[in-house]
C-alpha atoms as a PDB file:
ATOM      1  CA  MET A   1       0.000   0.000   0.000  1.00  0.00           C
ATOM      2  CA  GLN A   2       1.345   3.381  -1.000  1.00  0.00           C
ATOM      3  CA  ILE A   3       0.150   6.480   0.849  1.00  0.00           C
ATOM      4  CA  THR A   4       0.948   9.987  -0.364  1.00  0.00           C
ATOM      5  CA  VAL A   5      -0.228  13.482   0.490  1.00  0.00           C
ATOM      6  CA  ASP A   6      -0.741  16.060  -2.249  1.00  0.00           C
ATOM      7  CA  SER A   7      -0.184  19.815  -1.991  1.00  0.00           C
ATOM      8  CA  THR A   8      -3.780  20.379  -0.836  1.00  0.00           C
ATOM      9  CA  GLY A   9      -3.445  17.893   2.029  1.00  0.00           C
ATOM     10  CA  VAL A  10      -5.512  15.105   0.460  1.00  0.00           C
ATOM     11  CA  ILE A  11      -4.248  11.661   1.482  1.00  0.00           C
ATOM     12  CA  HIS A  12      -4.094   9.285  -1.501  1.00  0.00           C
ATOM     13  CA  PHE A  13      -4.090   5.506  -1.158  1.00  0.00           C
ATOM     14  CA  LYS A  14      -2.819   3.179  -3.872  1.00  0.00           C
ATOM     15  CA  GLY A  15      -2.898  -0.597  -3.531  1.00  0.00           C
ATOM     16  CA  ASN A  16      -4.842  -2.943  -1.306  1.00  0.00           C
ATOM     17  CA  LEU A  17      -6.345  -1.892   2.013  1.00  0.00           C
ATOM     18  CA  VAL A  18      -6.427  -5.353   3.535  1.00  0.00           C
ATOM     19  CA  VAL A  19      -5.405  -7.097   6.737  1.00  0.00           C
ATOM     20  CA  SER A  20      -1.850  -7.764   5.482  1.00  0.00           C
ATOM     21  CA  THR A  21      -1.230  -4.026   4.903  1.00  0.00           C
ATOM     22  CA  ILE A  22      -3.284  -2.512   7.704  1.00  0.00           C
ATOM     23  CA  GLU A  23      -0.494  -2.288  10.304  1.00  0.00           C
ATOM     24  CA  ASN A  24       1.732  -0.367   7.889  1.00  0.00           C
ATOM     25  CA  VAL A  25      -1.191   1.847   6.803  1.00  0.00           C
ATOM     26  CA  HIS A  26      -2.101   2.592  10.411  1.00  0.00           C
ATOM     27  CA  SER A  27       1.427   3.603  11.397  1.00  0.00           C
ATOM     28  CA  THR A  28       1.837   5.757   8.278  1.00  0.00           C
ATOM     29  CA  LEU A  29      -1.519   7.447   8.855  1.00  0.00           C
ATOM     30  CA  GLU A  30      -0.770   8.033  12.510  1.00  0.00           C
ATOM     31  CA  SER A  31       2.272  10.156  11.674  1.00  0.00           C
ATOM     32  CA  LEU A  32       0.452  11.974   8.848  1.00  0.00           C
ATOM     33  CA  LEU A  33      -2.610  12.743  10.951  1.00  0.00           C
ATOM     34  CA  GLU A  34      -0.557  14.195  13.796  1.00  0.00           C
ATOM     35  CA  ARG A  35       0.469  16.988  11.398  1.00  0.00           C
ATOM     36  CA  SER A  36      -2.883  17.426   9.660  1.00  0.00           C
ATOM     37  CA  SER A  37      -5.821  19.699  10.271  1.00  0.00           C
ATOM     38  CA  ARG A  38      -8.976  18.416  11.910  1.00  0.00           C
ATOM     39  CA  VAL A  39     -10.588  17.916   8.494  1.00  0.00           C
ATOM     40  CA  VAL A  40      -9.021  14.937   6.744  1.00  0.00           C
ATOM     41  CA  THR A  41      -9.750  14.098   3.120  1.00  0.00           C
ATOM     42  CA  LEU A  42      -8.991  10.662   1.711  1.00  0.00           C
ATOM     43  CA  ASP A  43      -8.817   9.656  -1.935  1.00  0.00           C
ATOM     44  CA  LEU A  44      -9.426   5.919  -2.266  1.00  0.00           C
ATOM     45  CA  SER A  45      -9.640   5.865  -6.064  1.00  0.00           C
ATOM     46  CA  GLY A  46      -6.341   3.948  -6.194  1.00  0.00           C
ATOM     47  CA  VAL A  47      -7.518   1.211  -3.824  1.00  0.00           C
ATOM     48  CA  ASN A  48      -7.982  -2.067  -5.690  1.00  0.00           C
ATOM     49  CA  GLU A  49      -9.159  -4.248  -2.831  1.00  0.00           C
ATOM     50  CA  ILE A  50     -10.539  -3.651   0.654  1.00  0.00           C
ATOM     51  CA  ASP A  51     -11.496  -6.143   3.346  1.00  0.00           C
ATOM     52  CA  ILE A  52     -13.052  -5.889   6.799  1.00  0.00           C
ATOM     53  CA  ALA A  53      -9.775  -4.613   8.296  1.00  0.00           C
ATOM     54  CA  GLY A  54      -9.702  -1.735   5.791  1.00  0.00           C
ATOM     55  CA  LEU A  55     -13.364  -0.952   6.377  1.00  0.00           C
ATOM     56  CA  GLN A  56     -12.818  -0.942  10.131  1.00  0.00           C
ATOM     57  CA  LEU A  57      -9.871   1.435   9.718  1.00  0.00           C
ATOM     58  CA  LEU A  58     -12.052   3.872   7.739  1.00  0.00           C
ATOM     59  CA  TYR A  59     -14.789   3.675  10.369  1.00  0.00           C
ATOM     60  CA  SER A  60     -12.250   4.190  13.150  1.00  0.00           C
ATOM     61  CA  LEU A  61     -10.932   7.301  11.391  1.00  0.00           C
ATOM     62  CA  LYS A  62     -14.474   8.613  11.026  1.00  0.00           C
ATOM     63  CA  MET A  63     -15.139   8.104  14.732  1.00  0.00           C
ATOM     64  CA  THR A  64     -11.829   9.753  15.672  1.00  0.00           C
ATOM     65  CA  PHE A  65     -12.635  12.918  13.743  1.00  0.00           C
ATOM     66  CA  GLU A  66     -16.383  12.955  14.380  1.00  0.00           C
ATOM     67  CA  THR A  67     -16.312  14.942  17.609  1.00  0.00           C
ATOM     68  CA  ASP A  68     -13.747  17.580  16.685  1.00  0.00           C
ATOM     69  CA  GLY A  69     -13.365  17.644  12.930  1.00  0.00           C
ATOM     70  CA  ALA A  70     -14.414  15.665   9.915  1.00  0.00           C
ATOM     71  CA  LEU A  71     -13.358  12.809   7.697  1.00  0.00           C
ATOM     72  CA  ARG A  72     -14.117  13.127   3.998  1.00  0.00           C
ATOM     73  CA  ILE A  73     -13.676  10.445   1.373  1.00  0.00           C
ATOM     74  CA  ARG A  74     -13.280  12.274  -1.917  1.00  0.00           C
ATOM     75  CA  ALA A  75     -13.247   9.374  -4.343  1.00  0.00           C
ATOM     76  CA  PHE A  76     -13.294   5.595  -4.572  1.00  0.00           C
ATOM     77  CA  SER A  77     -13.514   3.039  -7.348  1.00  0.00           C
ATOM     78  CA  PRO A  78     -16.825   1.387  -8.324  1.00  0.00           C
ATOM     79  CA  THR A  79     -15.569  -1.881  -6.816  1.00  0.00           C
ATOM     80  CA  ILE A  80     -14.898  -0.226  -3.455  1.00  0.00           C
ATOM     81  CA  GLY A  81     -18.295   1.482  -3.672  1.00  0.00           C
ATOM     82  CA  ASP A  82     -19.951  -1.904  -4.173  1.00  0.00           C
ATOM     83  CA  ILE A  83     -18.132  -3.321  -1.146  1.00  0.00           C
ATOM     84  CA  LEU A  84     -19.114  -0.322   0.995  1.00  0.00           C
ATOM     85  CA  GLY A  85     -22.739  -0.829   0.005  1.00  0.00           C
ATOM     86  CA  ALA A  86     -22.830  -4.607   0.426  1.00  0.00           C
ATOM     87  CA  SER A  87     -21.031  -4.549   3.779  1.00  0.00           C
ATOM     88  CA  GLY A  88     -23.199  -1.863   5.365  1.00  0.00           C
ATOM     89  CA  PHE A  89     -20.174   0.369   5.950  1.00  0.00           C
ATOM     90  CA  GLY A  90     -21.549   2.761   3.331  1.00  0.00           C
ATOM     91  CA  ILE A  91     -24.298   3.630   5.802  1.00  0.00           C
ATOM     92  CA  ALA A  92     -21.853   3.953   8.696  1.00  0.00           C
ATOM     93  CA  LEU A  93     -19.616   6.227   6.622  1.00  0.00           C
ATOM     94  CA  LYS A  94     -22.359   8.141   4.801  1.00  0.00           C
ATOM     95  CA  GLU A  95     -21.338  11.552   6.179  1.00  0.00           C
ATOM     96  CA  ALA A  96     -17.825  11.019   4.842  1.00  0.00           C
ATOM     97  CA  LEU A  97     -18.761   9.775   1.371  1.00  0.00           C
ATOM     98  CA  PRO A  98     -19.127  11.913  -1.756  1.00  0.00           C
END
């Protein structure tokens, strides 16, 4: 999983957001989020695959920023959109989704 931040502060993911990458993603995000504003925008359009660990990470981020900020998901692929819908996480993340 590759994670980059563009000049506007949007965090871009490229690769698979699955249990085998989640520890690395979490540690990378932790250091990025310490320096970020309270409104975090994610671009998941480069995510090819997501599993329950990835969905739980997104929900955890939403809950972290819910009280004093906001999490926004700017984009995701149709496949990820289908998984969000089928899993029920689309409802849990509805405030963050485009």
